[in-house]
């Protein structure tokens, strides 16, 4: 099921954080947005949330997610080849 730009299932909500204006990338803003979305999903009746992150990025996203309680449950490998 899809609600707005959020992909959801009966028992799971997936939050997708996109890049914010460069001047608004303060970690406190990102954390506040993440916590707010988690509360919103809980209020909607979801049991848990899930998200994906590129662990190679240097933005601190992984540390942010871990700081609010997210745990790694699966890892994926992607391959790319220039043509």
Protein backbone atom coordinates (compact mmCIF):
# COMPACT_ATOMS: atom_id res chain seq x y z
CA UNK A 1 0.00 0.00 0.00
CA UNK A 2 1.23 3.52 -0.70
CA UNK A 3 0.29 6.61 1.31
CA UNK A 4 1.62 9.81 -0.18
CA UNK A 5 5.32 9.25 -0.74
CA UNK A 6 5.56 6.58 1.99
CA UNK A 7 5.52 2.89 1.12
CA UNK A 8 3.71 1.02 3.88
CA UNK A 9 2.53 -2.48 4.65
CA UNK A 10 0.06 -3.61 7.30
CA UNK A 11 2.69 -3.81 10.03
CA UNK A 12 5.56 -1.70 8.78
CA UNK A 13 6.17 1.88 7.77
CA UNK A 14 9.19 2.86 5.74
CA UNK A 15 10.52 6.33 6.25
CA UNK A 16 12.56 7.79 3.44
CA UNK A 17 14.70 10.75 4.37
CA UNK A 18 15.87 12.76 1.42
CA UNK A 19 18.58 15.37 1.25
CA UNK A 20 17.50 18.63 2.80
CA UNK A 21 18.59 22.09 1.68
CA UNK A 22 22.33 22.37 2.39
CA UNK A 23 21.74 25.12 4.94
CA UNK A 24 19.30 22.92 6.90
CA UNK A 25 21.39 19.76 7.22
CA UNK A 26 22.09 20.37 10.88
CA UNK A 27 22.06 17.03 12.70
CA UNK A 28 19.51 18.32 15.21
CA UNK A 29 17.01 19.05 12.43
CA UNK A 30 17.52 15.62 10.86
CA UNK A 31 17.10 13.90 14.22
CA UNK A 32 13.97 15.92 15.03
CA UNK A 33 12.44 15.02 11.64
CA UNK A 34 13.26 11.35 12.14
CA UNK A 35 11.81 11.24 15.67
CA UNK A 36 8.69 13.09 14.50
CA UNK A 37 8.14 10.59 11.68
CA UNK A 38 8.60 7.67 14.09
CA UNK A 39 5.94 9.14 16.40
CA UNK A 40 3.64 9.72 13.43
CA UNK A 41 3.96 6.08 12.33
CA UNK A 42 3.30 4.87 15.89
CA UNK A 43 0.20 7.09 16.06
CA UNK A 44 -0.92 5.56 12.75
CA UNK A 45 -0.80 2.15 14.42
CA UNK A 46 2.42 0.72 13.01
CA UNK A 47 4.46 -1.68 15.14
CA UNK A 48 7.85 -0.65 13.75
CA UNK A 49 9.59 1.40 11.09
CA UNK A 50 12.37 0.51 8.68
CA UNK A 51 14.74 2.47 6.50
CA UNK A 52 17.72 2.00 4.25
CA UNK A 53 21.07 3.75 4.34
CA UNK A 54 24.23 3.85 2.26
CA UNK A 55 26.78 2.97 4.93
CA UNK A 56 29.59 4.40 2.80
CA UNK A 57 28.22 7.93 2.88
CA UNK A 58 30.07 10.37 5.08
CA UNK A 59 27.03 12.36 6.25
CA UNK A 60 26.60 10.54 9.55
CA UNK A 61 23.23 9.07 8.57
CA UNK A 62 24.05 5.62 9.96
CA UNK A 63 25.07 7.10 13.31
CA UNK A 64 21.88 9.19 13.35
CA UNK A 65 19.67 6.15 12.79
CA UNK A 66 21.53 4.14 15.43
CA UNK A 67 21.25 7.04 17.90
CA UNK A 68 17.43 6.75 17.86
CA UNK A 69 17.42 2.97 18.21
CA UNK A 70 17.53 1.55 14.67
CA UNK A 71 19.43 -1.76 14.36
CA UNK A 72 20.90 -3.41 11.27
CA UNK A 73 18.72 -6.34 10.19
CA UNK A 74 19.95 -6.89 6.63
CA UNK A 75 22.77 -5.76 4.37
CA UNK A 76 22.86 -5.69 0.57
CA UNK A 77 25.59 -5.46 -2.02
CA UNK A 78 25.12 -3.62 -5.30
CA UNK A 79 27.40 -3.91 -8.30
CA UNK A 80 28.00 -1.33 -11.00
CA UNK A 81 29.99 -1.40 -14.23
CA UNK A 82 30.59 1.42 -16.64
CA UNK A 83 29.84 0.82 -20.29
